[in-house]
Amino acid sequence: SFVINLAMDNSGLPGTIIETFILADVPSFQTI
């Protein structure tokens, strides 16, 4: 389970989250 967030910038650091994606089937080998 991985959470990927797209966020605004807040003074050079991640800020308010714009959209969230949840992945639950990432394979055991590198894949896009």
PDB file of all heavy atoms in Angstrom:
ATOM      1  N   SER A   1       0.840  -1.192   0.000  1.00  0.00           N
ATOM      2  CA  SER A   1       0.000   0.000   0.000  1.00  0.00           C
ATOM      3  C   SER A   1       0.879   1.247   0.000  1.00  0.00           C
ATOM      4  O   SER A   1       1.738   1.405   0.882  1.00  0.00           O
ATOM      5  CB  SER A   1      -0.916   0.010   1.227  1.00  0.00           C
ATOM      6  OG  SER A   1      -1.715   1.181   1.249  1.00  0.00           O
ATOM      7  N   PHE A   2       0.663   2.097  -0.984  1.00  0.00           N
ATOM      8  CA  PHE A   2       1.416   3.344  -1.102  1.00  0.00           C
ATOM      9  C   PHE A   2       0.440   4.499  -1.327  1.00  0.00           C
ATOM     10  O   PHE A   2      -0.549   4.360  -2.032  1.00  0.00           O
ATOM     11  CB  PHE A   2       2.415   3.279  -2.264  1.00  0.00           C
ATOM     12  CG  PHE A   2       3.484   2.243  -2.081  1.00  0.00           C
ATOM     13  CD1 PHE A   2       3.257   0.918  -2.443  1.00  0.00           C
ATOM     14  CD2 PHE A   2       4.710   2.582  -1.534  1.00  0.00           C
ATOM     15  CE1 PHE A   2       4.231  -0.047  -2.262  1.00  0.00           C
ATOM     16  CE2 PHE A   2       5.698   1.624  -1.352  1.00  0.00           C
ATOM     17  CZ  PHE A   2       5.457   0.307  -1.719  1.00  0.00           C
ATOM     18  N   VAL A   3       0.762   5.632  -0.711  1.00  0.00           N
ATOM     19  CA  VAL A   3      -0.045   6.838  -0.859  1.00  0.00           C
ATOM     20  C   VAL A   3       0.776   7.862  -1.625  1.00  0.00           C
ATOM     21  O   VAL A   3       1.893   8.206  -1.226  1.00  0.00           O
ATOM     22  CB  VAL A   3      -0.444   7.421   0.512  1.00  0.00           C
ATOM     23  CG1 VAL A   3      -1.251   8.704   0.329  1.00  0.00           C
ATOM     24  CG2 VAL A   3      -1.237   6.398   1.309  1.00  0.00           C
ATOM     25  N   ILE A   4       0.235   8.327  -2.746  1.00  0.00           N
ATOM     26  CA  ILE A   4       0.910   9.351  -3.551  1.00  0.00           C
ATOM     27  C   ILE A   4       0.057  10.608  -3.511  1.00  0.00           C
ATOM     28  O   ILE A   4      -1.128  10.581  -3.862  1.00  0.00           O
ATOM     29  CB  ILE A   4       1.123   8.877  -5.010  1.00  0.00           C
ATOM     30  CG1 ILE A   4       2.125   7.720  -5.060  1.00  0.00           C
ATOM     31  CG2 ILE A   4       1.660  10.017  -5.864  1.00  0.00           C
ATOM     32  CD1 ILE A   4       1.532   6.366  -4.904  1.00  0.00           C
ATOM     33  N   ASN A   5       0.663  11.690  -3.056  1.00  0.00           N
ATOM     34  CA  ASN A   5      -0.042  12.965  -2.951  1.00  0.00           C
ATOM     35  C   ASN A   5       0.539  13.990  -3.907  1.00  0.00           C
ATOM     36  O   ASN A   5       1.761  14.094  -4.046  1.00  0.00           O
ATOM     37  CB  ASN A   5       0.063  13.536  -1.527  1.00  0.00           C
ATOM     38  CG  ASN A   5      -0.667  12.701  -0.499  1.00  0.00           C
ATOM     39  OD1 ASN A   5      -1.743  12.170  -0.769  1.00  0.00           O
ATOM     40  ND2 ASN A   5      -0.086  12.577   0.686  1.00  0.00           N
ATOM     41  N   LEU A   6      -0.326  14.763  -4.537  1.00  0.00           N
ATOM     42  CA  LEU A   6       0.070  15.958  -5.259  1.00  0.00           C
ATOM     43  C   LEU A   6      -0.236  17.114  -4.320  1.00  0.00           C
ATOM     44  O   LEU A   6      -1.362  17.249  -3.846  1.00  0.00           O
ATOM     45  CB  LEU A   6      -0.722  16.097  -6.555  1.00  0.00           C
ATOM     46  CG  LEU A   6      -0.496  17.381  -7.359  1.00  0.00           C
ATOM     47  CD1 LEU A   6       0.928  17.440  -7.892  1.00  0.00           C
ATOM     48  CD2 LEU A   6      -1.485  17.489  -8.503  1.00  0.00           C
ATOM     49  N   ALA A   7       0.787  17.932  -4.024  1.00  0.00           N
ATOM     50  CA  ALA A   7       0.619  18.974  -3.011  1.00  0.00           C
ATOM     51  C   ALA A   7       1.087  20.333  -3.511  1.00  0.00           C
ATOM     52  O   ALA A   7       1.941  20.436  -4.398  1.00  0.00           O
ATOM     53  CB  ALA A   7       1.372  18.593  -1.739  1.00  0.00           C
ATOM     54  N   MET A   8       0.522  21.373  -2.911  1.00  0.00           N
ATOM     55  CA  MET A   8       0.975  22.734  -3.140  1.00  0.00           C
ATOM     56  C   MET A   8       2.327  22.929  -2.458  1.00  0.00           C
ATOM     57  O   MET A   8       2.737  22.121  -1.617  1.00  0.00           O
ATOM     58  CB  MET A   8      -0.041  23.736  -2.575  1.00  0.00           C
ATOM     59  CG  MET A   8      -1.433  23.631  -3.146  1.00  0.00           C
ATOM     60  SD  MET A   8      -1.559  24.312  -4.814  1.00  0.00           S
ATOM     61  CE  MET A   8      -1.404  26.066  -4.468  1.00  0.00           C
ATOM     62  N   ASP A   9       3.007  24.014  -2.816  1.00  0.00           N
ATOM     63  CA  ASP A   9       4.249  24.381  -2.141  1.00  0.00           C
ATOM     64  C   ASP A   9       3.942  25.344  -1.008  1.00  0.00           C
ATOM     65  O   ASP A   9       3.125  26.248  -1.144  1.00  0.00           O
ATOM     66  CB  ASP A   9       5.216  25.040  -3.131  1.00  0.00           C
ATOM     67  CG  ASP A   9       6.531  25.425  -2.470  1.00  0.00           C
ATOM     68  OD1 ASP A   9       7.402  24.537  -2.340  1.00  0.00           O
ATOM     69  OD2 ASP A   9       6.682  26.599  -2.080  1.00  0.00           O
ATOM     70  N   ASN A  10       4.601  25.124   0.131  1.00  0.00           N
ATOM     71  CA  ASN A  10       4.426  25.993   1.282  1.00  0.00           C
ATOM     72  C   ASN A  10       5.794  26.442   1.781  1.00  0.00           C
ATOM     73  O   ASN A  10       6.452  25.741   2.541  1.00  0.00           O
ATOM     74  CB  ASN A  10       3.664  25.278   2.398  1.00  0.00           C
ATOM     75  CG  ASN A  10       3.446  26.162   3.617  1.00  0.00           C
ATOM     76  OD1 ASN A  10       3.521  27.383   3.534  1.00  0.00           O
ATOM     77  ND2 ASN A  10       3.187  25.540   4.756  1.00  0.00           N
ATOM     78  N   SER A  11       6.252  27.566   1.265  1.00  0.00           N
ATOM     79  CA  SER A  11       7.555  28.120   1.666  1.00  0.00           C
ATOM     80  C   SER A  11       8.687  27.126   1.459  1.00  0.00           C
ATOM     81  O   SER A  11       9.560  26.964   2.311  1.00  0.00           O
ATOM     82  CB  SER A  11       7.508  28.581   3.130  1.00  0.00           C
ATOM     83  OG  SER A  11       6.511  29.562   3.323  1.00  0.00           O
ATOM     84  N   GLY A  12       8.656  26.437   0.312  1.00  0.00           N
ATOM     85  CA  GLY A  12       9.741  25.522  -0.021  1.00  0.00           C
ATOM     86  C   GLY A  12       9.600  24.124   0.540  1.00  0.00           C
ATOM     87  O   GLY A  12      10.525  23.310   0.431  1.00  0.00           O
ATOM     88  N   LEU A  13       8.449  23.807   1.106  1.00  0.00           N
ATOM     89  CA  LEU A  13       8.160  22.468   1.624  1.00  0.00           C
ATOM     90  C   LEU A  13       6.782  22.029   1.145  1.00  0.00           C
ATOM     91  O   LEU A  13       5.950  22.869   0.776  1.00  0.00           O
ATOM     92  CB  LEU A  13       8.203  22.456   3.154  1.00  0.00           C
ATOM     93  CG  LEU A  13       9.572  22.546   3.818  1.00  0.00           C
ATOM     94  CD1 LEU A  13       9.415  22.732   5.324  1.00  0.00           C
ATOM     95  CD2 LEU A  13      10.415  21.309   3.514  1.00  0.00           C
ATOM     96  N   PRO A  14       6.509  20.712   1.146  1.00  0.00           N
ATOM     97  CA  PRO A  14       5.171  20.253   0.754  1.00  0.00           C
ATOM     98  C   PRO A  14       4.087  20.872   1.639  1.00  0.00           C
ATOM     99  O   PRO A  14       4.241  20.936   2.868  1.00  0.00           O
ATOM    100  CB  PRO A  14       5.256  18.733   0.958  1.00  0.00           C
ATOM    101  CG  PRO A  14       6.707  18.421   0.793  1.00  0.00           C
ATOM    102  CD  PRO A  14       7.427  19.587   1.390  1.00  0.00           C
ATOM    103  N   GLY A  15       3.022  21.349   0.992  1.00  0.00           N
ATOM    104  CA  GLY A  15       1.947  22.011   1.726  1.00  0.00           C
ATOM    105  C   GLY A  15       0.619  21.308   1.563  1.00  0.00           C
ATOM    106  O   GLY A  15       0.527  20.079   1.678  1.00  0.00           O
ATOM    107  N   THR A  16      -0.412  22.084   1.270  1.00  0.00           N
ATOM    108  CA  THR A  16      -1.775  21.552   1.157  1.00  0.00           C
ATOM    109  C   THR A  16      -1.886  20.517   0.051  1.00  0.00           C
ATOM    110  O   THR A  16      -1.411  20.734  -1.067  1.00  0.00           O
ATOM    111  CB  THR A  16      -2.768  22.699   0.868  1.00  0.00           C
ATOM    112  OG1 THR A  16      -2.662  23.681   1.909  1.00  0.00           O
ATOM    113  CG2 THR A  16      -4.197  22.178   0.797  1.00  0.00           C
ATOM    114  N   ILE A  17      -2.492  19.387   0.355  1.00  0.00           N
ATOM    115  CA  ILE A  17      -2.652  18.305  -0.621  1.00  0.00           C
ATOM    116  C   ILE A  17      -3.772  18.653  -1.602  1.00  0.00           C
ATOM    117  O   ILE A  17      -4.868  19.037  -1.201  1.00  0.00           O
ATOM    118  CB  ILE A  17      -2.948  16.975   0.081  1.00  0.00           C
ATOM    119  CG1 ILE A  17      -1.725  16.547   0.915  1.00  0.00           C
ATOM    120  CG2 ILE A  17      -3.315  15.885  -0.926  1.00  0.00           C
ATOM    121  CD1 ILE A  17      -1.973  15.331   1.779  1.00  0.00           C
ATOM    122  N   ILE A  18      -3.470  18.509  -2.892  1.00  0.00           N
ATOM    123  CA  ILE A  18      -4.434  18.807  -3.950  1.00  0.00           C
ATOM    124  C   ILE A  18      -5.224  17.562  -4.342  1.00  0.00           C
ATOM    125  O   ILE A  18      -6.433  17.609  -4.543  1.00  0.00           O
ATOM    126  CB  ILE A  18      -3.717  19.368  -5.194  1.00  0.00           C
ATOM    127  CG1 ILE A  18      -2.915  20.615  -4.826  1.00  0.00           C
ATOM    128  CG2 ILE A  18      -4.709  19.672  -6.312  1.00  0.00           C
ATOM    129  CD1 ILE A  18      -2.033  21.108  -5.949  1.00  0.00           C
ATOM    130  N   GLU A  19      -4.521  16.432  -4.478  1.00  0.00           N
ATOM    131  CA  GLU A  19      -5.171  15.166  -4.841  1.00  0.00           C
ATOM    132  C   GLU A  19      -4.347  14.005  -4.301  1.00  0.00           C
ATOM    133  O   GLU A  19      -3.119  14.076  -4.247  1.00  0.00           O
ATOM    134  CB  GLU A  19      -5.345  15.034  -6.352  1.00  0.00           C
ATOM    135  CG  GLU A  19      -6.156  13.810  -6.756  1.00  0.00           C
ATOM    136  CD  GLU A  19      -6.592  13.803  -8.217  1.00  0.00           C
ATOM    137  OE1 GLU A  19      -6.144  14.690  -8.984  1.00  0.00           O
ATOM    138  OE2 GLU A  19      -7.380  12.916  -8.603  1.00  0.00           O
ATOM    139  N   THR A  20      -5.043  12.955  -3.896  1.00  0.00           N
ATOM    140  CA  THR A  20      -4.398  11.766  -3.328  1.00  0.00           C
ATOM    141  C   THR A  20      -4.712  10.543  -4.169  1.00  0.00           C
ATOM    142  O   THR A  20      -5.838  10.358  -4.633  1.00  0.00           O
ATOM    143  CB  THR A  20      -4.883  11.526  -1.884  1.00  0.00           C
ATOM    144  OG1 THR A  20      -4.463  12.628  -1.058  1.00  0.00           O
ATOM    145  CG2 THR A  20      -4.300  10.241  -1.316  1.00  0.00           C
ATOM    146  N   PHE A  21      -3.702   9.694  -4.355  1.00  0.00           N
ATOM    147  CA  PHE A  21      -3.841   8.439  -5.093  1.00  0.00           C
ATOM    148  C   PHE A  21      -3.392   7.294  -4.176  1.00  0.00           C
ATOM    149  O   PHE A  21      -2.412   7.430  -3.448  1.00  0.00           O
ATOM    150  CB  PHE A  21      -2.970   8.441  -6.353  1.00  0.00           C
ATOM    151  CG  PHE A  21      -3.204   9.610  -7.266  1.00  0.00           C
ATOM    152  CD1 PHE A  21      -2.533  10.810  -7.063  1.00  0.00           C
ATOM    153  CD2 PHE A  21      -4.095   9.519  -8.327  1.00  0.00           C
ATOM    154  CE1 PHE A  21      -2.743  11.894  -7.902  1.00  0.00           C
ATOM    155  CE2 PHE A  21      -4.315  10.595  -9.175  1.00  0.00           C
ATOM    156  CZ  PHE A  21      -3.631  11.787  -8.958  1.00  0.00           C
ATOM    157  N   ILE A  22      -4.104   6.185  -4.234  1.00  0.00           N
ATOM    158  CA  ILE A  22      -3.763   5.010  -3.433  1.00  0.00           C
ATOM    159  C   ILE A  22      -3.396   3.852  -4.368  1.00  0.00           C
ATOM    160  O   ILE A  22      -4.155   3.530  -5.284  1.00  0.00           O
ATOM    161  CB  ILE A  22      -4.933   4.567  -2.527  1.00  0.00           C
ATOM    162  CG1 ILE A  22      -5.420   5.742  -1.662  1.00  0.00           C
ATOM    163  CG2 ILE A  22      -4.506   3.393  -1.661  1.00  0.00           C
ATOM    164  CD1 ILE A  22      -4.415   6.236  -0.656  1.00  0.00           C
ATOM    165  N   LEU A  23      -2.237   3.254  -4.125  1.00  0.00           N
ATOM    166  CA  LEU A  23      -1.814   2.077  -4.890  1.00  0.00           C
ATOM    167  C   LEU A  23      -1.718   0.885  -3.954  1.00  0.00           C
ATOM    168  O   LEU A  23      -1.117   0.979  -2.878  1.00  0.00           O
ATOM    169  CB  LEU A  23      -0.456   2.326  -5.556  1.00  0.00           C
ATOM    170  CG  LEU A  23      -0.433   3.235  -6.785  1.00  0.00           C
ATOM    171  CD1 LEU A  23       1.006   3.456  -7.238  1.00  0.00           C
ATOM    172  CD2 LEU A  23      -1.248   2.630  -7.920  1.00  0.00           C
ATOM    173  N   ALA A  24      -2.280  -0.245  -4.375  1.00  0.00           N
ATOM    174  CA  ALA A  24      -2.272  -1.429  -3.518  1.00  0.00           C
ATOM    175  C   ALA A  24      -1.814  -2.681  -4.258  1.00  0.00           C
ATOM    176  O   ALA A  24      -1.941  -3.787  -3.740  1.00  0.00           O
ATOM    177  CB  ALA A  24      -3.664  -1.661  -2.933  1.00  0.00           C
ATOM    178  N   ASP A  25      -1.291  -2.522  -5.462  1.00  0.00           N
ATOM    179  CA  ASP A  25      -0.882  -3.702  -6.232  1.00  0.00           C
ATOM    180  C   ASP A  25       0.467  -3.466  -6.907  1.00  0.00           C
ATOM    181  O   ASP A  25       0.697  -3.901  -8.033  1.00  0.00           O
ATOM    182  CB  ASP A  25      -1.942  -4.062  -7.272  1.00  0.00           C
ATOM    183  CG  ASP A  25      -2.264  -2.898  -8.200  1.00  0.00           C
ATOM    184  OD1 ASP A  25      -1.740  -1.790  -7.968  1.00  0.00           O
ATOM    185  OD2 ASP A  25      -3.039  -3.094  -9.155  1.00  0.00           O
ATOM    186  N   VAL A  26       1.383  -2.787  -6.217  1.00  0.00           N
ATOM    187  CA  VAL A  26       2.710  -2.524  -6.767  1.00  0.00           C
ATOM    188  C   VAL A  26       3.502  -3.829  -6.775  1.00  0.00           C
ATOM    189  O   VAL A  26       3.615  -4.500  -5.741  1.00  0.00           O
ATOM    190  CB  VAL A  26       3.450  -1.462  -5.927  1.00  0.00           C
ATOM    191  CG1 VAL A  26       4.871  -1.253  -6.445  1.00  0.00           C
ATOM    192  CG2 VAL A  26       2.672  -0.147  -5.955  1.00  0.00           C
ATOM    193  N   PRO A  27       4.075  -4.231  -7.921  1.00  0.00           N
ATOM    194  CA  PRO A  27       4.798  -5.513  -7.998  1.00  0.00           C
ATOM    195  C   PRO A  27       6.147  -5.479  -7.270  1.00  0.00           C
ATOM    196  O   PRO A  27       6.618  -4.415  -6.847  1.00  0.00           O
ATOM    197  CB  PRO A  27       4.987  -5.717  -9.501  1.00  0.00           C
ATOM    198  CG  PRO A  27       4.945  -4.344 -10.074  1.00  0.00           C
ATOM    199  CD  PRO A  27       3.997  -3.566  -9.226  1.00  0.00           C
ATOM    200  N   SER A  28       6.762  -6.646  -7.151  1.00  0.00           N
ATOM    201  CA  SER A  28       8.048  -6.779  -6.461  1.00  0.00           C
ATOM    202  C   SER A  28       9.222  -6.539  -7.401  1.00  0.00           C
ATOM    203  O   SER A  28      10.344  -6.942  -7.111  1.00  0.00           O
ATOM    204  CB  SER A  28       8.156  -8.170  -5.825  1.00  0.00           C
ATOM    205  OG  SER A  28       8.015  -9.182  -6.819  1.00  0.00           O
ATOM    206  N   PHE A  29       8.963  -5.938  -8.530  1.00  0.00           N
ATOM    207  CA  PHE A  29      10.013  -5.513  -9.451  1.00  0.00           C
ATOM    208  C   PHE A  29       9.660  -4.096  -9.910  1.00  0.00           C
ATOM    209  O   PHE A  29       8.495  -3.692  -9.884  1.00  0.00           O
ATOM    210  CB  PHE A  29      10.125  -6.463 -10.648  1.00  0.00           C
ATOM    211  CG  PHE A  29       8.836  -6.677 -11.386  1.00  0.00           C
ATOM    212  CD1 PHE A  29       8.448  -5.852 -12.432  1.00  0.00           C
ATOM    213  CD2 PHE A  29       7.991  -7.720 -11.016  1.00  0.00           C
ATOM    214  CE1 PHE A  29       7.248  -6.050 -13.104  1.00  0.00           C
ATOM    215  CE2 PHE A  29       6.781  -7.925 -11.684  1.00  0.00           C
ATOM    216  CZ  PHE A  29       6.418  -7.096 -12.727  1.00  0.00           C
ATOM    217  N   GLN A  30      10.701  -3.329 -10.316  1.00  0.00           N
ATOM    218  CA  GLN A  30      10.463  -1.936 -10.689  1.00  0.00           C
ATOM    219  C   GLN A  30       9.525  -1.842 -11.884  1.00  0.00           C
ATOM    220  O   GLN A  30       9.761  -2.475 -12.900  1.00  0.00           O
ATOM    221  CB  GLN A  30      11.780  -1.242 -11.026  1.00  0.00           C
ATOM    222  CG  GLN A  30      12.810  -1.285  -9.911  1.00  0.00           C
ATOM    223  CD  GLN A  30      13.847  -2.363 -10.151  1.00  0.00           C
ATOM    224  OE1 GLN A  30      13.512  -3.472 -10.550  1.00  0.00           O
ATOM    225  NE2 GLN A  30      15.106  -2.046  -9.898  1.00  0.00           N
ATOM    226  N   THR A  31       8.494  -1.047 -11.739  1.00  0.00           N
ATOM    227  CA  THR A  31       7.559  -0.857 -12.846  1.00  0.00           C
ATOM    228  C   THR A  31       6.978   0.549 -12.785  1.00  0.00           C
ATOM    229  O   THR A  31       6.899   1.150 -11.703  1.00  0.00           O
ATOM    230  CB  THR A  31       6.422  -1.896 -12.793  1.00  0.00           C
ATOM    231  OG1 THR A  31       5.625  -1.796 -13.972  1.00  0.00           O
ATOM    232  CG2 THR A  31       5.531  -1.676 -11.584  1.00  0.00           C
ATOM    233  N   ILE A  32       6.586   1.072 -13.924  1.00  0.00           N
ATOM    234  CA  ILE A  32       5.978   2.399 -13.981  1.00  0.00           C
ATOM    235  C   ILE A  32       4.478   2.277 -13.742  1.00  0.00           C
ATOM    236  O   ILE A  32       3.775   1.594 -14.482  1.00  0.00           O
ATOM    237  CB  ILE A  32       6.248   3.070 -15.341  1.00  0.00           C
ATOM    238  CG1 ILE A  32       7.756   3.275 -15.546  1.00  0.00           C
ATOM    239  CG2 ILE A  32       5.524   4.410 -15.427  1.00  0.00           C
ATOM    240  CD1 ILE A  32       8.112   3.830 -16.916  1.00  0.00           C
TER     241      ILE A  32
END
